[in-house]
N, C-alpha and C. Protein backbone atom coordinates (compact mmCIF):
# COMPACT_ATOMS: atom_id res chain seq x y z
N MET A 1 -6.58 -0.83 -0.13
CA MET A 1 -5.86 -0.14 0.92
C MET A 1 -5.55 1.30 0.56
N VAL A 2 -6.03 1.76 -0.60
CA VAL A 2 -5.89 3.17 -0.98
C VAL A 2 -7.29 3.73 -1.20
N ASP A 3 -7.65 4.73 -0.40
CA ASP A 3 -8.96 5.36 -0.54
C ASP A 3 -8.94 6.55 -1.49
N ARG A 4 -7.83 7.30 -1.47
CA ARG A 4 -7.75 8.47 -2.34
C ARG A 4 -6.29 8.86 -2.59
N ILE A 5 -6.09 9.49 -3.71
CA ILE A 5 -4.78 10.04 -4.05
C ILE A 5 -4.85 11.53 -3.78
N SER A 6 -3.98 12.02 -2.93
CA SER A 6 -4.04 13.43 -2.55
C SER A 6 -3.01 14.28 -3.29
N GLU A 7 -1.97 13.64 -3.84
CA GLU A 7 -0.94 14.41 -4.53
C GLU A 7 -0.24 13.52 -5.55
N TYR A 8 0.12 14.12 -6.69
CA TYR A 8 0.85 13.41 -7.73
C TYR A 8 1.85 14.38 -8.33
N ASN A 9 3.08 13.91 -8.51
CA ASN A 9 4.12 14.77 -9.06
C ASN A 9 4.83 14.03 -10.19
N TYR A 10 4.81 14.63 -11.37
CA TYR A 10 5.52 14.08 -12.52
C TYR A 10 6.68 15.02 -12.78
N GLY A 11 7.80 14.71 -12.20
CA GLY A 11 8.96 15.58 -12.33
C GLY A 11 10.23 14.76 -12.36
N ARG A 12 11.32 15.37 -11.97
CA ARG A 12 12.61 14.68 -11.95
C ARG A 12 12.54 13.44 -11.06
N ILE A 13 11.89 13.58 -9.89
CA ILE A 13 11.63 12.44 -9.02
C ILE A 13 10.11 12.30 -8.90
N PRO A 14 9.51 11.41 -9.70
CA PRO A 14 8.04 11.25 -9.66
C PRO A 14 7.59 10.76 -8.29
N GLY A 15 6.45 11.27 -7.85
CA GLY A 15 5.95 10.87 -6.55
C GLY A 15 4.44 10.88 -6.47
N LEU A 16 3.94 10.25 -5.43
CA LEU A 16 2.51 10.15 -5.21
C LEU A 16 2.26 10.07 -3.71
N THR A 17 1.22 10.75 -3.26
CA THR A 17 0.77 10.65 -1.88
C THR A 17 -0.66 10.14 -1.90
N ALA A 18 -0.92 9.09 -1.13
CA ALA A 18 -2.25 8.49 -1.08
C ALA A 18 -2.65 8.29 0.37
N GLU A 19 -3.94 8.08 0.59
CA GLU A 19 -4.45 7.92 1.96
C GLU A 19 -5.39 6.73 2.07
N CYS A 20 -5.46 6.18 3.27
CA CYS A 20 -6.39 5.11 3.58
C CYS A 20 -6.89 5.30 5.02
N ARG A 21 -8.20 5.34 5.17
CA ARG A 21 -8.79 5.40 6.52
C ARG A 21 -8.88 3.96 7.05
N ILE A 22 -8.26 3.71 8.16
CA ILE A 22 -8.25 2.38 8.75
C ILE A 22 -9.53 2.21 9.56
N ASN A 23 -10.42 1.34 9.07
CA ASN A 23 -11.70 1.17 9.76
C ASN A 23 -11.81 -0.24 10.34
N ASN A 24 -12.86 -0.47 11.08
CA ASN A 24 -13.00 -1.74 11.80
C ASN A 24 -13.43 -2.90 10.91
N SER A 25 -13.57 -2.67 9.60
CA SER A 25 -13.87 -3.79 8.71
C SER A 25 -12.59 -4.55 8.33
N LEU A 26 -11.43 -3.98 8.65
CA LEU A 26 -10.15 -4.64 8.37
C LEU A 26 -9.77 -5.56 9.52
N PRO A 27 -9.10 -6.68 9.23
CA PRO A 27 -8.63 -7.53 10.31
C PRO A 27 -7.65 -6.77 11.20
N ALA A 28 -7.72 -6.99 12.48
CA ALA A 28 -6.85 -6.26 13.41
C ALA A 28 -6.46 -7.15 14.57
N TYR A 29 -5.35 -6.80 15.21
CA TYR A 29 -4.90 -7.45 16.42
C TYR A 29 -5.28 -6.58 17.60
N LEU A 30 -5.56 -7.20 18.72
CA LEU A 30 -5.86 -6.47 19.95
C LEU A 30 -4.59 -6.40 20.78
N CYS A 31 -4.17 -5.19 21.15
CA CYS A 31 -2.94 -5.06 21.94
C CYS A 31 -3.29 -4.93 23.43
N GLU A 32 -2.25 -4.89 24.23
CA GLU A 32 -2.43 -4.88 25.69
C GLU A 32 -3.18 -3.65 26.19
N LYS A 33 -3.20 -2.57 25.44
CA LYS A 33 -3.90 -1.35 25.86
C LYS A 33 -5.38 -1.39 25.49
N GLY A 34 -5.84 -2.51 24.89
CA GLY A 34 -7.24 -2.65 24.53
C GLY A 34 -7.59 -2.02 23.20
N LYS A 35 -6.60 -1.51 22.47
CA LYS A 35 -6.85 -0.92 21.16
C LYS A 35 -6.53 -1.94 20.07
N SER A 36 -7.25 -1.88 18.97
CA SER A 36 -7.00 -2.77 17.85
C SER A 36 -6.05 -2.10 16.87
N TYR A 37 -5.03 -2.85 16.44
CA TYR A 37 -4.08 -2.29 15.48
C TYR A 37 -3.98 -3.16 14.23
N LEU A 38 -3.57 -2.52 13.15
CA LEU A 38 -3.51 -3.12 11.83
C LEU A 38 -2.27 -4.01 11.69
N PRO A 39 -2.41 -5.24 11.19
CA PRO A 39 -1.23 -6.05 10.90
C PRO A 39 -0.35 -5.35 9.85
N SER A 40 0.96 -5.46 10.02
CA SER A 40 1.89 -4.74 9.15
C SER A 40 1.79 -5.16 7.68
N VAL A 41 1.33 -6.38 7.41
CA VAL A 41 1.21 -6.82 6.03
C VAL A 41 0.25 -5.91 5.25
N TYR A 42 -0.74 -5.33 5.91
CA TYR A 42 -1.68 -4.43 5.24
C TYR A 42 -1.02 -3.09 4.91
N ILE A 43 -0.05 -2.69 5.71
CA ILE A 43 0.69 -1.46 5.40
C ILE A 43 1.54 -1.70 4.15
N ILE A 44 2.18 -2.87 4.08
CA ILE A 44 2.95 -3.21 2.88
C ILE A 44 2.03 -3.26 1.67
N GLU A 45 0.84 -3.83 1.81
CA GLU A 45 -0.12 -3.89 0.71
C GLU A 45 -0.47 -2.49 0.22
N GLY A 46 -0.75 -1.58 1.13
CA GLY A 46 -1.08 -0.21 0.74
C GLY A 46 0.08 0.50 0.07
N LEU A 47 1.29 0.27 0.59
CA LEU A 47 2.48 0.86 -0.04
C LEU A 47 2.68 0.29 -1.44
N GLY A 48 2.49 -1.02 -1.60
CA GLY A 48 2.62 -1.66 -2.91
C GLY A 48 1.58 -1.16 -3.89
N GLN A 49 0.33 -1.02 -3.44
CA GLN A 49 -0.72 -0.48 -4.31
C GLN A 49 -0.40 0.95 -4.73
N SER A 50 0.15 1.73 -3.82
CA SER A 50 0.52 3.11 -4.14
C SER A 50 1.65 3.15 -5.17
N CYS A 51 2.62 2.26 -5.04
CA CYS A 51 3.70 2.16 -6.03
C CYS A 51 3.12 1.82 -7.40
N ASN A 52 2.17 0.88 -7.41
CA ASN A 52 1.54 0.49 -8.68
C ASN A 52 0.76 1.65 -9.28
N LEU A 53 0.03 2.39 -8.45
CA LEU A 53 -0.70 3.56 -8.96
C LEU A 53 0.25 4.57 -9.58
N LEU A 54 1.38 4.82 -8.93
CA LEU A 54 2.36 5.75 -9.48
C LEU A 54 2.88 5.23 -10.83
N SER A 55 3.14 3.93 -10.93
CA SER A 55 3.61 3.35 -12.20
C SER A 55 2.58 3.52 -13.30
N VAL A 56 1.30 3.30 -12.98
CA VAL A 56 0.23 3.47 -13.97
C VAL A 56 0.14 4.94 -14.40
N PHE A 57 0.20 5.86 -13.43
CA PHE A 57 0.14 7.28 -13.76
C PHE A 57 1.30 7.68 -14.66
N LEU A 58 2.49 7.16 -14.38
CA LEU A 58 3.66 7.51 -15.19
C LEU A 58 3.54 6.94 -16.60
N ALA A 59 3.00 5.72 -16.73
CA ALA A 59 2.79 5.14 -18.06
C ALA A 59 1.77 5.97 -18.85
N LEU A 60 0.70 6.39 -18.17
CA LEU A 60 -0.29 7.23 -18.84
C LEU A 60 0.31 8.59 -19.18
N GLU A 61 1.12 9.11 -18.29
CA GLU A 61 1.78 10.41 -18.53
C GLU A 61 2.62 10.35 -19.80
N ASN A 62 3.35 9.24 -19.98
CA ASN A 62 4.17 9.08 -21.18
C ASN A 62 3.30 9.02 -22.44
N THR A 63 2.12 8.41 -22.32
CA THR A 63 1.19 8.38 -23.45
C THR A 63 0.69 9.79 -23.75
N PHE A 64 0.34 10.55 -22.71
CA PHE A 64 -0.18 11.90 -22.90
C PHE A 64 0.90 12.87 -23.36
N LYS A 65 2.15 12.54 -23.05
CA LYS A 65 3.28 13.40 -23.44
C LYS A 65 3.30 13.59 -24.96
N GLU A 66 2.93 12.52 -25.69
CA GLU A 66 2.87 12.59 -27.14
C GLU A 66 1.84 13.63 -27.60
N GLU A 67 0.80 13.84 -26.80
CA GLU A 67 -0.22 14.84 -27.11
C GLU A 67 0.11 16.20 -26.52
N ASN A 68 1.25 16.29 -25.80
CA ASN A 68 1.64 17.52 -25.11
C ASN A 68 0.58 17.94 -24.09
N THR A 69 0.05 16.96 -23.38
CA THR A 69 -0.98 17.19 -22.36
C THR A 69 -0.54 16.52 -21.07
N HIS A 70 -0.80 17.17 -19.94
CA HIS A 70 -0.46 16.62 -18.63
C HIS A 70 -1.60 15.72 -18.14
N ILE A 71 -1.25 14.66 -17.43
CA ILE A 71 -2.26 13.70 -16.95
C ILE A 71 -3.31 14.37 -16.07
N LYS A 72 -2.91 15.37 -15.28
CA LYS A 72 -3.88 16.03 -14.40
C LYS A 72 -5.03 16.64 -15.20
N GLU A 73 -4.73 17.07 -16.43
CA GLU A 73 -5.77 17.63 -17.29
C GLU A 73 -6.67 16.54 -17.86
N LYS A 74 -6.16 15.31 -17.92
CA LYS A 74 -6.90 14.22 -18.54
C LYS A 74 -7.65 13.33 -17.55
N LEU A 75 -7.32 13.41 -16.26
CA LEU A 75 -7.93 12.50 -15.30
C LEU A 75 -9.45 12.57 -15.29
N ASN A 76 -9.99 13.75 -15.53
CA ASN A 76 -11.45 13.89 -15.56
C ASN A 76 -12.08 13.16 -16.73
N HIS A 77 -11.26 12.80 -17.73
CA HIS A 77 -11.78 12.16 -18.93
C HIS A 77 -11.42 10.68 -19.03
N ILE A 78 -10.81 10.11 -17.99
CA ILE A 78 -10.39 8.71 -18.04
C ILE A 78 -11.58 7.78 -18.26
N ASN A 79 -12.73 8.10 -17.70
CA ASN A 79 -13.90 7.23 -17.87
C ASN A 79 -14.30 7.08 -19.33
N SER A 80 -13.96 8.06 -20.14
CA SER A 80 -14.33 7.98 -21.56
C SER A 80 -13.57 6.89 -22.29
N ILE A 81 -12.51 6.38 -21.68
CA ILE A 81 -11.74 5.29 -22.28
C ILE A 81 -12.64 4.10 -22.55
N TYR A 82 -13.60 3.89 -21.67
CA TYR A 82 -14.47 2.73 -21.78
C TYR A 82 -15.72 3.00 -22.62
N SER A 83 -15.84 4.20 -23.14
CA SER A 83 -17.00 4.51 -23.96
C SER A 83 -16.65 4.38 -25.44
N ALA A 84 -17.67 4.44 -26.28
CA ALA A 84 -17.45 4.32 -27.73
C ALA A 84 -16.71 5.52 -28.28
N LYS A 85 -16.72 6.64 -27.55
CA LYS A 85 -16.07 7.86 -28.02
C LYS A 85 -14.63 7.97 -27.54
N ALA A 86 -14.05 6.87 -27.07
CA ALA A 86 -12.71 6.92 -26.48
C ALA A 86 -11.66 7.39 -27.49
N ASN A 87 -10.73 8.19 -26.99
CA ASN A 87 -9.59 8.65 -27.78
C ASN A 87 -8.68 7.45 -28.00
N SER A 88 -8.42 7.09 -29.24
CA SER A 88 -7.67 5.86 -29.52
C SER A 88 -6.26 5.92 -28.97
N LYS A 89 -5.62 7.09 -28.95
CA LYS A 89 -4.26 7.20 -28.43
C LYS A 89 -4.25 6.95 -26.92
N VAL A 90 -5.23 7.53 -26.22
CA VAL A 90 -5.34 7.32 -24.78
C VAL A 90 -5.68 5.86 -24.51
N GLU A 91 -6.63 5.32 -25.27
CA GLU A 91 -7.04 3.94 -25.08
C GLU A 91 -5.87 2.99 -25.28
N SER A 92 -5.08 3.21 -26.33
CA SER A 92 -3.94 2.32 -26.56
C SER A 92 -2.91 2.46 -25.44
N GLY A 93 -2.75 3.65 -24.88
CA GLY A 93 -1.84 3.84 -23.75
C GLY A 93 -2.29 3.10 -22.52
N VAL A 94 -3.59 3.13 -22.27
CA VAL A 94 -4.13 2.41 -21.12
C VAL A 94 -3.99 0.92 -21.34
N LEU A 95 -4.30 0.44 -22.53
CA LEU A 95 -4.17 -0.99 -22.81
C LEU A 95 -2.72 -1.43 -22.70
N LYS A 96 -1.78 -0.59 -23.14
CA LYS A 96 -0.36 -0.91 -23.01
C LYS A 96 0.01 -0.99 -21.54
N THR A 97 -0.49 -0.06 -20.75
CA THR A 97 -0.22 -0.06 -19.31
C THR A 97 -0.79 -1.31 -18.67
N LEU A 98 -2.00 -1.69 -19.06
CA LEU A 98 -2.65 -2.85 -18.46
C LEU A 98 -2.07 -4.17 -18.94
N SER A 99 -1.21 -4.13 -19.96
CA SER A 99 -0.61 -5.37 -20.45
C SER A 99 0.60 -5.76 -19.62
N MET A 100 0.88 -5.02 -18.58
CA MET A 100 1.99 -5.33 -17.69
C MET A 100 1.43 -5.88 -16.38
N ILE A 101 2.12 -6.87 -15.84
CA ILE A 101 1.74 -7.41 -14.54
C ILE A 101 2.78 -6.93 -13.54
N GLY A 102 2.36 -6.26 -12.49
CA GLY A 102 3.29 -5.77 -11.49
C GLY A 102 3.53 -6.79 -10.40
N LEU A 103 4.78 -7.02 -10.09
CA LEU A 103 5.15 -7.94 -9.01
C LEU A 103 6.10 -7.22 -8.06
N LEU A 104 6.04 -7.58 -6.79
CA LEU A 104 7.02 -7.05 -5.84
C LEU A 104 8.27 -7.90 -5.94
N ALA A 105 9.37 -7.27 -6.37
CA ALA A 105 10.63 -8.00 -6.49
C ALA A 105 11.36 -8.00 -5.15
N SER A 106 11.20 -6.92 -4.39
CA SER A 106 11.89 -6.81 -3.10
C SER A 106 11.13 -5.82 -2.21
N VAL A 107 11.01 -6.17 -0.95
CA VAL A 107 10.37 -5.28 0.03
C VAL A 107 11.29 -5.20 1.25
N GLU A 108 11.77 -4.01 1.51
CA GLU A 108 12.60 -3.77 2.71
C GLU A 108 11.95 -2.61 3.46
N VAL A 109 11.06 -2.94 4.37
CA VAL A 109 10.31 -1.93 5.10
C VAL A 109 10.52 -2.13 6.60
N GLU A 110 10.83 -1.03 7.27
CA GLU A 110 11.01 -1.03 8.72
C GLU A 110 9.75 -0.43 9.35
N PHE A 111 9.20 -1.12 10.33
CA PHE A 111 7.99 -0.64 11.01
C PHE A 111 8.39 0.02 12.32
N LEU A 112 7.97 1.26 12.51
CA LEU A 112 8.39 2.05 13.67
C LEU A 112 7.30 2.20 14.72
N GLU A 113 6.06 2.24 14.29
CA GLU A 113 4.92 2.43 15.20
C GLU A 113 3.75 1.58 14.72
N ARG A 114 2.79 1.36 15.58
CA ARG A 114 1.57 0.65 15.19
C ARG A 114 0.56 1.62 14.59
N VAL A 115 -0.29 1.06 13.74
CA VAL A 115 -1.39 1.82 13.14
C VAL A 115 -2.68 1.26 13.71
N PHE A 116 -3.50 2.14 14.29
CA PHE A 116 -4.69 1.70 14.99
C PHE A 116 -5.96 1.96 14.18
N ILE A 117 -6.98 1.19 14.50
CA ILE A 117 -8.29 1.40 13.89
C ILE A 117 -8.72 2.85 14.15
N GLY A 118 -9.17 3.53 13.11
CA GLY A 118 -9.56 4.93 13.21
C GLY A 118 -8.51 5.88 12.67
N ASP A 119 -7.26 5.42 12.54
CA ASP A 119 -6.19 6.26 11.99
C ASP A 119 -6.37 6.48 10.49
N ILE A 120 -5.81 7.57 10.01
CA ILE A 120 -5.71 7.79 8.57
C ILE A 120 -4.24 7.57 8.21
N LEU A 121 -4.01 6.56 7.39
CA LEU A 121 -2.67 6.17 6.98
C LEU A 121 -2.33 6.88 5.67
N THR A 122 -1.22 7.60 5.66
CA THR A 122 -0.78 8.33 4.47
C THR A 122 0.44 7.62 3.89
N TYR A 123 0.38 7.33 2.59
CA TYR A 123 1.49 6.70 1.89
C TYR A 123 2.21 7.76 1.05
N GLN A 124 3.51 7.86 1.19
CA GLN A 124 4.32 8.76 0.36
C GLN A 124 5.28 7.90 -0.45
N ILE A 125 5.18 8.01 -1.76
CA ILE A 125 5.94 7.16 -2.67
C ILE A 125 6.77 8.04 -3.60
N GLU A 126 8.04 7.70 -3.79
CA GLU A 126 8.89 8.36 -4.78
C GLU A 126 9.56 7.29 -5.62
N GLN A 127 9.48 7.44 -6.94
CA GLN A 127 10.20 6.52 -7.82
C GLN A 127 11.62 7.04 -7.97
N GLN A 128 12.59 6.32 -7.42
CA GLN A 128 13.97 6.76 -7.41
C GLN A 128 14.67 6.50 -8.74
N LYS A 129 14.45 5.30 -9.31
CA LYS A 129 15.08 4.97 -10.59
C LYS A 129 14.38 3.77 -11.22
N VAL A 130 14.60 3.62 -12.52
CA VAL A 130 14.10 2.48 -13.27
C VAL A 130 15.28 1.87 -14.01
N ILE A 131 15.47 0.57 -13.81
CA ILE A 131 16.53 -0.15 -14.51
C ILE A 131 15.88 -1.36 -15.17
N GLY A 132 15.81 -1.33 -16.49
CA GLY A 132 15.14 -2.41 -17.21
C GLY A 132 13.69 -2.50 -16.81
N ASN A 133 13.27 -3.67 -16.33
CA ASN A 133 11.88 -3.84 -15.90
C ASN A 133 11.70 -3.67 -14.39
N LEU A 134 12.72 -3.13 -13.70
CA LEU A 134 12.66 -2.93 -12.25
C LEU A 134 12.51 -1.45 -11.91
N SER A 135 11.54 -1.15 -11.05
CA SER A 135 11.33 0.22 -10.56
C SER A 135 11.66 0.25 -9.08
N HIS A 136 12.48 1.21 -8.69
CA HIS A 136 12.96 1.35 -7.31
C HIS A 136 12.20 2.50 -6.66
N PHE A 137 11.43 2.22 -5.60
CA PHE A 137 10.60 3.22 -4.92
C PHE A 137 11.08 3.40 -3.48
N ARG A 138 11.16 4.67 -3.05
CA ARG A 138 11.34 4.99 -1.63
C ARG A 138 9.93 5.19 -1.08
N VAL A 139 9.61 4.51 0.01
CA VAL A 139 8.25 4.53 0.55
C VAL A 139 8.24 4.94 2.02
N ASN A 140 7.21 5.68 2.39
CA ASN A 140 6.96 6.07 3.78
C ASN A 140 5.48 5.93 4.06
N ALA A 141 5.16 5.46 5.26
CA ALA A 141 3.78 5.44 5.72
C ALA A 141 3.73 6.31 6.98
N LEU A 142 2.73 7.19 7.03
CA LEU A 142 2.62 8.12 8.15
C LEU A 142 1.21 8.12 8.73
N VAL A 143 1.13 8.42 10.02
CA VAL A 143 -0.13 8.69 10.69
C VAL A 143 0.08 9.99 11.45
N LYS A 144 -0.77 10.97 11.19
CA LYS A 144 -0.67 12.29 11.83
C LYS A 144 0.75 12.86 11.69
N ASN A 145 1.30 12.78 10.47
CA ASN A 145 2.63 13.29 10.12
C ASN A 145 3.77 12.60 10.87
N GLN A 146 3.52 11.48 11.51
CA GLN A 146 4.57 10.71 12.18
C GLN A 146 4.82 9.44 11.37
N THR A 147 6.08 9.19 11.03
CA THR A 147 6.42 8.01 10.24
C THR A 147 6.18 6.74 11.04
N VAL A 148 5.38 5.83 10.46
CA VAL A 148 5.10 4.55 11.11
C VAL A 148 5.82 3.40 10.39
N ALA A 149 6.20 3.62 9.13
CA ALA A 149 6.95 2.63 8.36
C ALA A 149 7.71 3.34 7.26
N LYS A 150 8.90 2.83 6.92
CA LYS A 150 9.69 3.44 5.86
C LYS A 150 10.57 2.37 5.23
N GLY A 151 10.94 2.61 3.97
CA GLY A 151 11.82 1.65 3.34
C GLY A 151 11.87 1.77 1.83
N ILE A 152 12.18 0.64 1.21
CA ILE A 152 12.36 0.55 -0.23
C ILE A 152 11.51 -0.60 -0.75
N ILE A 153 10.81 -0.35 -1.85
CA ILE A 153 10.10 -1.40 -2.56
C ILE A 153 10.62 -1.40 -3.99
N ILE A 154 10.95 -2.57 -4.49
CA ILE A 154 11.36 -2.71 -5.89
C ILE A 154 10.28 -3.53 -6.57
N GLY A 155 9.70 -2.93 -7.61
CA GLY A 155 8.65 -3.59 -8.36
C GLY A 155 9.18 -4.07 -9.70
N SER A 156 8.62 -5.17 -10.18
CA SER A 156 9.02 -5.74 -11.46
C SER A 156 7.81 -5.77 -12.37
N GLU A 157 8.01 -5.51 -13.64
CA GLU A 157 6.94 -5.58 -14.62
C GLU A 157 7.25 -6.68 -15.62
N ILE A 158 6.25 -7.52 -15.87
CA ILE A 158 6.39 -8.61 -16.83
C ILE A 158 5.26 -8.49 -17.82
N LYS A 159 5.57 -8.53 -19.10
CA LYS A 159 4.53 -8.47 -20.12
C LYS A 159 3.67 -9.72 -20.07
N LYS A 160 2.34 -9.53 -20.29
CA LYS A 160 1.44 -10.66 -20.36
C LYS A 160 1.75 -11.48 -21.60
N MET A 161 1.49 -12.75 -21.52
CA MET A 161 1.69 -13.63 -22.68
C MET A 161 0.56 -13.46 -23.65
């Protein structure tokens, strides 16, 4: 449900903006106007995936912080993680990140408008705070700069056994 990441911010309030083009390969409901619209569960899925992407970026950012390098400078080299020439510090950071399983602990999302086939759905995510293994995200979904869904998602991380 995420086609591309258009913006990433590693600052006092970390954030991410992502996009998804809603196409006719997705399941849809037919409304009275004859247009097909996306079930809201898919909007929640896209918002959750965007929260997870932000969490992964922040974990990688913390790994790169030790090297005094920003993730934006390293994104072009992420593929090298899987090669024999991989930087061991980066590789260990990715493996540490991947050793966490993300779960949705709470979803409180209000749906304001429908999203139709052909729309470009924009997800705006801000990580508000982290308490223990819980991350609190403020989330918005927009179509053509109009909010279609907004709310709070709390994600939980559990270490793999």
